[in-house]
Amino acid sequence: MAEIEIPKQCKAGVVVNEGPDFKVEVQVVDVPEPKDDEILLKLNATGLCMSDVHFMMNDWAVPPMSTFACKCAGHEGAGVVVKVGKSVTNWKVGDRGGVKPLWDVCHNCEQCWNGRENYCPNGVYTGLVATGSYQQYITSPARYTSRIPEGVPDEVAAPIMCSASTMHRALADSGLRPSNFVVFPGGGGGVGIQGVQLAKAMGMRPVVVDSGSAKKDLSMKMGAEEFIDFKEHEDVAARVKEVCGGVGAHGVLVTAYQSYKDSINFIGDRIGGKIMCIALPPAGAVNLGTDPNLFIFKNLSIIGTLVGTMQDTSACLDYARRGLLQSISEVRPMSKMPESVQQLKRGEVAGRVVIDFNLE
């Protein structure tokens, strides 16, 4: 393809007053130049993820964004290649590509060698260490950019980079099987609702625990068998047990950290239950555990799982291409980014908000 005209500057959602009272401002910033082994992406869309909020609040046990001179959060970007570095041979201008929570990994450690690069100790996190997808033009390592197939719109592809890929990895690591009851506390949010769709596609029986009519409607539309509103049931665990065959959940995939305190109870009387720890709480806010006898007599497993691998992202993009992962997003223009981030922080978003950089 012919060279695409690249502006000197672009719009970006920049974090201001990093910390508990942060805000995002739309500012004009310089367009970066790709290094020899990088590509330059013009993002058409970015998802807004709760992890972005935690990075900007600086309430996780990681250094602040400012430590790395990073001003833009975001790690769910979908767009098109507009320039390639001198050493890049496997990408060309016009190719579609996406950026994930990990901007790059070392590709040369035990985890990377074994398809577990999501645990690479030298991983570079997008929107924390490297400039994130709140900026329209960003660079990305050619070797770790995900290819977006035709037939998958940008507003669908963007959340797949994190939320769907993360849930795909959690479901794979869980070992859960078709016909198993899988409970999603916080399942009406952007990460959980992707898990609901994937579990349904894999033949499992998803049950959502969350609150509000918008989240209920979205959960049922995306394949949940039951929606349990925790504000309407005095004993949520008893209701979970009731809808899960009168026994309890085979698996609990926790996507809202406030639910960790209840997650073990959702297993009920099930033997061999799996609790998948996905949501990252603020540092020191949650302790998960109980009497070891419960683990022993119920063969209970509690498993931590991180973001998805490149393989998970590719698999999820293929689910979307086949129509098995549908849009969970409300698409908004760049001007709505500041307030949308605050709505996400307040827990008011059902599914995902996706910012379309091209909308006025």
Protein backbone atom coordinates (compact mmCIF):
# COMPACT_ATOMS: atom_id res chain seq x y z
CA MET A 1 0.00 0.00 0.00
CA ALA A 2 1.06 3.62 -0.48
CA GLU A 3 2.42 5.54 2.46
CA ILE A 4 -0.27 6.93 4.78
CA GLU A 5 0.00 10.55 5.85
CA ILE A 6 0.88 10.62 9.53
CA PRO A 7 0.20 13.75 11.59
CA LYS A 8 2.81 15.25 13.91
CA GLN A 9 0.37 15.25 16.81
CA CYS A 10 -2.72 13.33 17.93
CA LYS A 11 -5.31 13.25 20.71
CA ALA A 12 -4.75 11.30 23.90
CA GLY A 13 -6.48 10.69 27.20
CA VAL A 14 -3.80 11.86 29.65
CA VAL A 15 -3.92 11.08 33.38
CA VAL A 16 -3.81 14.18 35.57
CA ASN A 17 -3.32 14.21 39.35
CA GLU A 18 -2.30 10.55 39.45
CA GLY A 19 -3.67 8.91 42.61
CA PRO A 20 -7.10 8.44 44.29
CA ASP A 21 -8.50 11.67 42.83
CA PHE A 22 -7.07 11.31 39.32
CA LYS A 23 -8.85 12.51 36.23
CA VAL A 24 -8.34 12.02 32.50
CA GLU A 25 -8.00 14.98 30.18
CA VAL A 26 -8.10 14.90 26.39
CA GLN A 27 -4.86 16.56 25.28
CA VAL A 28 -2.81 16.88 22.11
CA VAL A 29 0.48 14.95 22.21
CA ASP A 30 3.29 14.15 19.81
CA VAL A 31 2.96 11.11 17.55
CA PRO A 32 5.82 8.68 18.36
CA GLU A 33 8.30 7.30 15.87
CA PRO A 34 8.59 3.48 15.68
CA LYS A 35 11.98 1.91 16.38
CA ASP A 36 13.52 -0.50 13.90
CA ASP A 37 11.63 -3.52 15.29
CA GLU A 38 8.35 -1.72 15.95
CA ILE A 39 5.25 -0.71 14.05
CA LEU A 40 3.20 2.46 14.40
CA LEU A 41 -0.52 1.84 14.89
CA LYS A 42 -3.30 4.32 14.29
CA LEU A 43 -5.86 3.09 16.79
CA ASN A 44 -9.48 3.29 15.81
CA ALA A 45 -10.78 2.08 19.16
CA THR A 46 -9.75 1.45 22.73
CA GLY A 47 -11.62 -0.34 25.47
CA LEU A 48 -11.76 1.13 28.98
CA CYS A 49 -10.74 -1.47 31.56
CA MET A 50 -10.87 -1.31 35.35
CA SER A 51 -7.14 -2.09 35.39
CA ASP A 52 -6.62 1.33 33.79
CA VAL A 53 -8.35 2.89 36.78
CA HIS A 54 -6.12 1.03 39.22
CA PHE A 55 -2.99 2.14 37.35
CA MET A 56 -4.17 5.75 37.44
CA MET A 57 -5.23 5.51 41.09
CA ASN A 58 -1.92 3.81 41.92
CA ASP A 59 -3.54 1.45 44.44
CA TRP A 60 -1.82 -1.75 43.29
CA ALA A 61 1.56 -2.94 44.51
CA VAL A 62 3.33 -1.62 41.41
CA PRO A 63 5.26 1.62 40.82
CA PRO A 64 3.19 4.60 39.64
CA MET A 65 2.80 5.31 35.94
CA SER A 66 4.84 8.46 36.42
CA THR A 67 7.83 6.31 37.41
CA PHE A 68 8.00 5.28 33.75
CA ALA A 69 6.97 8.69 32.35
CA CYS A 70 3.76 7.03 31.13
CA LYS A 71 0.86 9.46 30.79
CA CYS A 72 -1.71 7.32 28.96
CA ALA A 73 -3.35 4.21 30.37
CA GLY A 74 -5.20 1.65 28.25
CA HIS A 75 -4.35 -1.79 26.93
CA GLU A 76 -7.24 -2.71 24.64
CA GLY A 77 -6.34 -1.07 21.35
CA ALA A 78 -7.44 -1.99 17.83
CA GLY A 79 -6.33 -0.20 14.70
CA VAL A 80 -4.25 -0.24 11.56
CA VAL A 81 -0.53 -0.16 10.79
CA VAL A 82 0.54 3.19 9.33
CA LYS A 83 4.32 2.78 9.48
CA VAL A 84 6.81 -0.05 9.99
CA GLY A 85 10.33 0.04 11.41
CA LYS A 86 13.33 -0.63 9.20
CA SER A 87 13.79 -4.20 10.48
CA VAL A 88 10.13 -5.23 10.24
CA THR A 89 9.35 -7.65 7.40
CA ASN A 90 6.17 -9.40 8.56
CA TRP A 91 3.87 -6.36 8.79
CA LYS A 92 2.89 -3.85 6.14
CA VAL A 93 1.02 -0.58 6.06
CA GLY A 94 -2.72 -1.27 6.10
CA ASP A 95 -2.56 -4.45 8.21
CA ARG A 96 -4.91 -4.54 11.20
CA GLY A 97 -3.33 -4.96 14.60
CA GLY A 98 -4.07 -4.80 18.30
CA VAL A 99 -2.22 -4.10 21.55
CA LYS A 100 -2.71 -6.10 24.74
CA PRO A 101 -2.02 -5.67 28.49
CA LEU A 102 1.51 -6.88 27.87
CA TRP A 103 3.21 -4.55 25.40
CA ASP A 104 6.09 -7.01 25.04
CA VAL A 105 7.83 -9.91 26.78
CA CYS A 106 11.44 -11.11 26.75
CA HIS A 107 10.73 -14.19 24.56
CA ASN A 108 13.75 -15.83 26.18
CA CYS A 109 12.79 -17.20 29.59
CA GLU A 110 11.20 -20.39 30.92
CA GLN A 111 7.71 -18.88 30.88
CA CYS A 112 8.02 -17.56 27.33
CA TRP A 113 9.45 -20.87 26.09
CA ASN A 114 6.48 -22.76 27.53
CA GLY A 115 3.62 -20.66 26.18
CA ARG A 116 3.16 -18.86 29.51
CA GLU A 117 4.57 -15.52 28.44
CA ASN A 118 1.81 -13.82 30.43
CA TYR A 119 4.02 -14.59 33.46
CA CYS A 120 7.24 -13.35 31.88
CA PRO A 121 9.25 -11.69 34.69
CA ASN A 122 10.52 -9.12 32.21
CA GLY A 123 7.13 -8.29 30.72
CA VAL A 124 6.45 -4.65 29.81
CA TYR A 125 2.92 -3.60 30.76
CA THR A 126 0.92 -1.41 28.40
CA GLY A 127 -0.48 1.72 29.99
CA LEU A 128 1.91 1.46 32.94
CA VAL A 129 5.42 1.19 31.53
CA ALA A 130 4.68 1.70 27.83
CA THR A 131 2.28 4.32 26.46
CA GLY A 132 -1.20 2.86 26.44
CA SER A 133 -4.14 2.77 24.07
CA TYR A 134 -5.73 5.98 25.35
CA GLN A 135 -3.45 7.60 22.76
CA GLN A 136 -4.49 7.24 19.13
CA TYR A 137 -1.04 6.75 17.61
CA ILE A 138 1.18 4.34 19.53
CA THR A 139 4.11 2.09 18.76
CA SER A 140 4.03 -1.67 19.29
CA PRO A 141 6.70 -4.38 18.97
CA ALA A 142 6.15 -6.16 15.65
CA ARG A 143 6.77 -9.54 17.26
CA TYR A 144 4.09 -9.08 19.92
CA THR A 145 1.31 -7.25 18.10
CA SER A 146 -1.86 -9.31 17.55
CA ARG A 147 -3.28 -9.61 14.06
CA ILE A 148 -6.98 -8.79 13.77
CA PRO A 149 -8.80 -10.88 11.15
CA GLU A 150 -11.28 -9.47 8.69
CA GLY A 151 -14.85 -9.71 9.88
CA VAL A 152 -14.07 -8.58 13.44
CA PRO A 153 -14.98 -4.90 13.95
CA ASP A 154 -12.60 -2.72 15.94
CA GLU A 155 -15.13 -2.18 18.72
CA VAL A 156 -15.26 -5.97 19.19
CA ALA A 157 -11.54 -6.56 18.70
CA ALA A 158 -10.42 -3.94 21.23
CA PRO A 159 -11.94 -5.55 24.36
CA ILE A 160 -10.78 -8.96 23.17
CA MET A 161 -7.18 -7.80 23.65
CA CYS A 162 -7.66 -7.93 27.43
CA SER A 163 -11.07 -8.93 28.77
CA ALA A 164 -11.84 -11.89 26.49
CA SER A 165 -8.24 -13.12 26.37
CA THR A 166 -8.01 -13.00 30.17
CA MET A 167 -11.21 -15.02 30.54
CA HIS A 168 -10.15 -17.52 27.88
CA ARG A 169 -6.94 -18.15 29.84
CA ALA A 170 -8.87 -18.50 33.11
CA LEU A 171 -11.28 -21.02 31.61
CA ALA A 172 -8.42 -22.98 30.08
CA ASP A 173 -6.46 -23.01 33.35
CA SER A 174 -9.54 -24.06 35.31
CA GLY A 175 -9.95 -27.41 33.55
CA LEU A 176 -13.73 -26.95 33.65
CA ARG A 177 -15.70 -29.00 31.15
CA PRO A 178 -18.90 -28.81 29.09
CA SER A 179 -22.08 -28.95 31.20
CA ASN A 180 -20.27 -27.58 34.29
CA PHE A 181 -21.94 -24.75 36.20
CA VAL A 182 -19.64 -21.70 36.13
CA VAL A 183 -20.47 -18.73 38.35
CA PHE A 184 -19.24 -15.25 37.46
CA PRO A 185 -19.32 -12.79 40.38
CA GLY A 186 -19.17 -9.40 38.68
CA GLY A 187 -20.20 -11.11 35.46
CA GLY A 188 -22.11 -8.10 34.15
CA GLY A 189 -18.91 -6.09 33.79
CA GLY A 190 -16.53 -5.90 30.87
CA VAL A 191 -14.35 -8.87 31.81
CA GLY A 192 -17.02 -11.15 33.25
CA ILE A 193 -19.41 -10.79 30.33
CA GLN A 194 -16.72 -12.06 27.98
CA GLY A 195 -16.34 -15.08 30.25
CA VAL A 196 -20.08 -15.69 30.05
CA GLN A 197 -19.93 -15.75 26.26
CA LEU A 198 -16.86 -18.00 26.17
CA ALA A 199 -18.25 -20.42 28.75
CA LYS A 200 -21.46 -20.69 26.73
CA ALA A 201 -19.49 -21.30 23.53
CA MET A 202 -17.51 -24.03 25.32
CA GLY A 203 -20.70 -25.81 26.41
CA MET A 204 -20.65 -24.70 30.05
CA ARG A 205 -23.56 -23.28 32.03
CA PRO A 206 -22.80 -19.69 33.07
CA VAL A 207 -24.47 -18.04 36.06
CA VAL A 208 -23.92 -14.34 36.80
CA VAL A 209 -23.90 -12.73 40.24
CA ASP A 210 -24.16 -8.95 39.91
CA SER A 211 -26.69 -6.17 40.34
CA GLY A 212 -28.80 -3.87 38.20
CA SER A 213 -31.20 -4.22 35.28
CA ALA A 214 -28.64 -3.18 32.65
CA LYS A 215 -26.20 -5.87 33.73
CA LYS A 216 -28.99 -8.43 33.98
CA ASP A 217 -30.23 -7.68 30.47
CA LEU A 218 -26.71 -7.88 29.02
CA SER A 219 -25.88 -11.08 30.91
CA MET A 220 -28.99 -12.89 29.75
CA LYS A 221 -28.53 -11.66 26.19
CA MET A 222 -24.97 -13.00 26.15
CA GLY A 223 -25.88 -16.48 27.33
CA ALA A 224 -26.18 -16.58 31.11
CA GLU A 225 -28.63 -19.23 32.33
CA GLU A 226 -29.36 -17.26 35.50
CA PHE A 227 -28.73 -13.76 36.83
CA ILE A 228 -28.60 -13.50 40.61
CA ASP A 229 -28.92 -9.92 41.85
CA PHE A 230 -26.99 -9.79 45.10
CA LYS A 231 -29.12 -6.86 46.29
CA GLU A 232 -32.30 -8.91 45.97
CA HIS A 233 -31.21 -12.11 47.75
CA GLU A 234 -30.45 -12.25 51.45
CA ASP A 235 -28.43 -15.47 50.99
CA VAL A 236 -26.71 -15.31 47.61
CA ALA A 237 -24.74 -18.52 48.19
CA ALA A 238 -27.97 -20.44 48.84
CA ARG A 239 -29.43 -19.11 45.61
CA VAL A 240 -26.27 -20.08 43.72
CA LYS A 241 -26.49 -23.59 45.12
CA GLU A 242 -30.16 -23.79 44.13
CA VAL A 243 -29.61 -22.79 40.49
CA CYS A 244 -26.47 -24.94 40.17
CA GLY A 245 -28.30 -28.25 40.35
CA GLY A 246 -28.97 -27.97 44.08
CA VAL A 247 -25.29 -28.78 44.73
CA GLY A 248 -23.19 -25.72 43.90
CA ALA A 249 -20.86 -24.34 41.27
CA HIS A 250 -18.21 -26.43 39.55
CA GLY A 251 -16.21 -23.25 39.05
CA VAL A 252 -16.26 -19.65 40.28
CA LEU A 253 -14.45 -17.08 38.13
CA VAL A 254 -14.07 -13.99 40.29
CA THR A 255 -13.98 -10.80 38.23
CA ALA A 256 -15.08 -8.41 41.01
CA TYR A 257 -12.63 -8.46 43.91
CA GLN A 258 -15.40 -7.58 46.39
CA SER A 259 -16.75 -11.12 45.79
CA TYR A 260 -13.70 -13.00 47.02
CA LYS A 261 -15.20 -13.15 50.53
CA ASP A 262 -18.20 -15.10 49.19
CA SER A 263 -16.59 -17.14 46.42
CA ILE A 264 -15.82 -20.28 48.46
CA ASN A 265 -19.46 -20.44 49.58
CA PHE A 266 -20.60 -20.51 45.94
CA ILE A 267 -19.04 -23.98 45.60
CA GLY A 268 -21.71 -25.28 48.01
CA ASP A 269 -21.46 -29.05 48.35
CA ARG A 270 -19.66 -29.57 45.05
CA ILE A 271 -16.59 -31.81 45.19
CA GLY A 272 -13.57 -30.70 43.18
CA GLY A 273 -14.70 -27.11 42.75
CA LYS A 274 -12.37 -24.52 41.23
CA ILE A 275 -12.12 -20.88 42.26
CA MET A 276 -10.28 -18.81 39.68
CA CYS A 277 -8.75 -15.60 41.03
CA ILE A 278 -8.87 -13.03 38.23
CA ALA A 279 -9.78 -9.69 39.81
CA LEU A 280 -6.80 -7.82 41.28
CA PRO A 281 -7.83 -6.01 44.48
CA PRO A 282 -6.04 -2.98 45.88
CA ALA A 283 -2.88 -4.02 47.71
CA GLY A 284 -3.66 -5.53 51.11
CA ALA A 285 -7.43 -5.18 50.75
CA VAL A 286 -8.44 -8.86 50.56
CA ASN A 287 -7.40 -12.16 52.11
CA LEU A 288 -8.83 -15.33 50.60
CA GLY A 289 -8.88 -18.54 52.63
CA THR A 290 -10.72 -20.77 55.08
CA ASP A 291 -10.34 -23.88 57.22
CA PRO A 292 -7.99 -26.34 55.45
CA ASN A 293 -10.46 -29.15 56.21
CA LEU A 294 -12.78 -27.61 53.64
CA PHE A 295 -10.06 -27.82 50.98
CA ILE A 296 -9.33 -31.41 51.93
CA PHE A 297 -12.84 -32.84 52.15
CA LYS A 298 -14.13 -30.96 49.12
CA ASN A 299 -10.98 -31.33 47.00
CA LEU A 300 -11.22 -27.55 46.56
CA SER A 301 -8.76 -25.67 44.33
CA ILE A 302 -8.01 -21.97 44.38
CA ILE A 303 -6.05 -20.95 41.30
CA GLY A 304 -4.61 -17.60 40.31
CA THR A 305 -4.65 -16.62 36.65
CA LEU A 306 -3.27 -13.58 34.90
CA VAL A 307 -3.92 -11.98 31.49
CA GLY A 308 -4.13 -13.99 28.29
CA THR A 309 -1.30 -15.12 26.06
CA MET A 310 -0.98 -14.34 22.35
CA GLN A 311 -2.57 -17.73 21.73
CA ASP A 312 -5.58 -16.80 23.88
CA THR A 313 -6.03 -13.54 21.98
CA SER A 314 -5.85 -15.33 18.64
CA ALA A 315 -8.41 -17.91 19.80
CA CYS A 316 -10.80 -15.21 21.01
CA LEU A 317 -10.50 -13.25 17.78
CA ASP A 318 -11.45 -16.44 15.95
CA TYR A 319 -14.47 -16.92 18.25
CA ALA A 320 -15.49 -13.37 17.29
CA ARG A 321 -14.92 -14.03 13.60
CA ARG A 322 -17.30 -17.00 13.88
CA GLY A 323 -19.92 -14.91 15.70
CA LEU A 324 -19.44 -16.58 19.08
CA LEU A 325 -18.11 -13.44 20.78
CA GLN A 326 -20.47 -10.55 20.18
CA SER A 327 -20.17 -6.86 20.89
CA ILE A 328 -20.48 -6.05 24.59
CA SER A 329 -19.62 -2.41 24.12
CA GLU A 330 -21.20 0.98 24.18
CA VAL A 331 -19.20 3.00 21.66
CA ARG A 332 -18.53 6.62 22.58
CA PRO A 333 -16.46 9.46 21.07
CA MET A 334 -13.12 10.65 22.45
CA SER A 335 -14.80 13.64 24.11
CA LYS A 336 -16.66 11.21 26.40
CA MET A 337 -13.50 9.48 27.63
CA PRO A 338 -12.96 11.54 30.82
CA GLU A 339 -16.46 10.98 32.20
CA SER A 340 -16.58 7.37 30.95
CA VAL A 341 -13.46 6.55 32.97
CA GLN A 342 -15.08 8.04 36.07
CA GLN A 343 -18.25 6.02 35.46
CA LEU A 344 -16.10 2.90 35.23
CA LYS A 345 -14.40 3.84 38.50
CA ARG A 346 -17.83 4.17 40.15
CA GLY A 347 -18.96 0.74 38.87
CA GLU A 348 -21.69 2.14 36.63
CA VAL A 349 -20.72 0.44 33.35
CA ALA A 350 -22.43 -2.70 32.04
CA GLY A 351 -20.18 -4.56 29.65
CA ARG A 352 -17.50 -2.36 28.12
CA VAL A 353 -17.22 1.25 27.03
CA VAL A 354 -15.18 1.53 23.86
CA ILE A 355 -13.84 4.88 22.72
CA ASP A 356 -13.90 5.40 18.95
CA PHE A 357 -11.15 7.86 18.08
CA ASN A 358 -12.86 8.66 14.78
CA LEU A 359 -16.22 9.72 16.22
CA GLU A 360 -16.87 13.43 16.59
